[in-house]
Amino acid sequence: QVQLVESGGGLVQPGGSLRLSCVVSENIFDFNTVGWFRQAPKERELVATIDRNGRIQFGDSVKGRFTLSRDNAQNTVYLQMNSLKPEDTAVYYCRADIPYRFYWGQGTQVTVSS
């Protein structure tokens, strides 16, 4: 069973930074993409994903503020979040996908508030 374990969430002031980690229990290259989504009161939305070839896609609301990186040896994906805003407050979920199937982590809460 594929497992994704997220960490790094917490409370941060506006303008601050956090780094989220997602450790995947299997070889990260077994998946089409690995990345992050978030959910506040609205629907779950794309934050950033990376594919096998290293191509990264960002959601429009985080472009220029968030970066995504991958440690292949550790099967880990990192989301560096800078210039955080109150509207970034959400539960952040790691997701890995193969054709016709998605795997999700348990989520980690990020709260941006003064």
Protein backbone atom coordinates (compact mmCIF):
# COMPACT_ATOMS: atom_id res chain seq x y z
CA GLN A 1 0.00 0.00 0.00
CA VAL A 2 1.40 3.37 -1.02
CA GLN A 3 1.85 5.79 1.85
CA LEU A 4 2.53 9.51 1.73
CA VAL A 5 3.58 11.19 4.96
CA GLU A 6 3.47 14.97 5.16
CA SER A 7 5.15 17.18 7.72
CA GLY A 8 6.10 20.81 8.25
CA GLY A 9 2.80 22.55 8.69
CA GLY A 10 2.09 25.05 11.44
CA LEU A 11 1.24 28.61 12.32
CA VAL A 12 3.16 31.42 10.63
CA GLN A 13 2.72 35.16 10.38
CA PRO A 14 1.90 36.86 7.09
CA GLY A 15 5.04 37.29 5.03
CA GLY A 16 6.69 34.32 6.68
CA SER A 17 7.89 31.02 5.28
CA LEU A 18 7.32 27.31 5.82
CA ARG A 19 8.65 24.18 4.18
CA LEU A 20 6.48 21.12 3.79
CA SER A 21 7.86 17.64 3.23
CA CYS A 22 6.19 14.62 1.68
CA VAL A 23 7.86 11.23 2.00
CA VAL A 24 6.60 8.60 -0.42
CA SER A 25 6.83 4.95 0.59
CA GLU A 26 7.75 3.78 -2.91
CA ASN A 27 10.10 4.86 -5.66
CA ILE A 28 9.06 8.36 -6.56
CA PHE A 29 9.62 7.63 -10.26
CA ASP A 30 6.88 4.99 -10.17
CA PHE A 31 4.36 7.84 -10.26
CA ASN A 32 3.32 10.17 -13.05
CA THR A 33 3.39 13.17 -10.75
CA VAL A 34 3.93 13.89 -7.08
CA GLY A 35 2.92 17.15 -5.53
CA TRP A 36 0.73 19.26 -3.32
CA PHE A 37 -2.89 20.30 -3.23
CA ARG A 38 -4.67 22.33 -0.60
CA GLN A 39 -8.17 22.62 0.72
CA ALA A 40 -9.73 25.47 2.61
CA PRO A 41 -13.52 25.87 2.82
CA LYS A 42 -13.61 25.71 -0.98
CA GLU A 43 -12.70 22.81 -3.23
CA ARG A 44 -9.27 21.24 -3.25
CA GLU A 45 -6.91 23.14 -5.53
CA LEU A 46 -3.54 22.56 -7.15
CA VAL A 47 -0.52 24.02 -5.39
CA ALA A 48 2.39 22.43 -7.27
CA THR A 49 3.32 19.11 -8.84
CA ILE A 50 6.43 17.62 -10.40
CA ASP A 51 6.49 14.88 -13.02
CA ARG A 52 9.03 12.16 -13.75
CA ASN A 53 10.96 14.46 -16.06
CA GLY A 54 11.20 17.20 -13.49
CA ARG A 55 8.61 19.47 -15.04
CA ILE A 56 6.85 21.52 -12.38
CA GLN A 57 3.38 22.97 -12.53
CA PHE A 58 2.17 25.63 -10.10
CA GLY A 59 -1.26 26.86 -9.24
CA ASP A 60 -1.83 30.47 -10.28
CA SER A 61 -2.23 31.72 -6.73
CA VAL A 62 1.23 30.56 -5.62
CA LYS A 63 3.38 31.32 -8.65
CA GLY A 64 6.43 33.35 -7.74
CA ARG A 65 6.10 32.60 -4.02
CA PHE A 66 6.31 28.81 -3.72
CA THR A 67 8.95 26.45 -5.03
CA LEU A 68 8.93 22.67 -5.36
CA SER A 69 11.91 20.37 -5.19
CA ARG A 70 12.55 16.66 -5.09
CA ASP A 71 15.08 14.42 -3.36
CA ASN A 72 15.09 11.31 -5.50
CA ALA A 73 17.21 9.25 -3.12
CA GLN A 74 14.86 9.97 -0.22
CA ASN A 75 11.64 9.71 -2.26
CA THR A 76 10.71 13.08 -0.84
CA VAL A 77 9.12 16.18 -2.31
CA TYR A 78 9.51 19.56 -0.65
CA LEU A 79 7.27 22.58 -0.92
CA GLN A 80 8.97 25.82 0.07
CA MET A 81 6.38 28.47 0.79
CA ASN A 82 7.52 32.08 0.99
CA SER A 83 5.68 35.39 1.36
CA LEU A 84 2.77 33.56 2.91
CA LYS A 85 -0.63 35.24 2.96
CA PRO A 86 -3.69 34.62 5.13
CA GLU A 87 -5.44 33.18 2.08
CA ASP A 88 -2.81 30.42 1.97
CA THR A 89 -4.39 29.02 5.12
CA ALA A 90 -5.56 25.49 4.33
CA VAL A 91 -4.92 21.83 4.85
CA TYR A 92 -2.13 20.83 2.47
CA TYR A 93 -2.22 17.34 1.00
CA CYS A 94 0.48 15.45 -0.79
CA ARG A 95 -0.65 13.42 -3.78
CA ALA A 96 1.01 10.86 -6.02
CA ASP A 97 -0.69 9.47 -9.10
CA ILE A 98 -0.50 6.63 -11.57
CA PRO A 99 -2.94 6.09 -14.44
CA TYR A 100 -6.48 5.97 -13.06
CA ARG A 101 -5.45 6.17 -9.41
CA PHE A 102 -4.52 8.83 -6.89
CA TYR A 103 -2.82 8.36 -3.53
CA TRP A 104 -3.19 11.00 -0.83
CA GLY A 105 -1.46 11.80 2.41
CA GLN A 106 -3.31 12.61 5.60
CA GLY A 107 -2.80 16.36 5.24
CA THR A 108 -0.99 18.99 7.27
CA GLN A 109 -2.52 22.24 8.48
CA VAL A 110 -0.96 25.55 7.47
CA THR A 111 -2.31 28.65 9.18
CA VAL A 112 -1.15 32.12 8.21
CA SER A 113 -2.24 34.64 10.80
CA SER A 114 -0.91 37.47 12.90
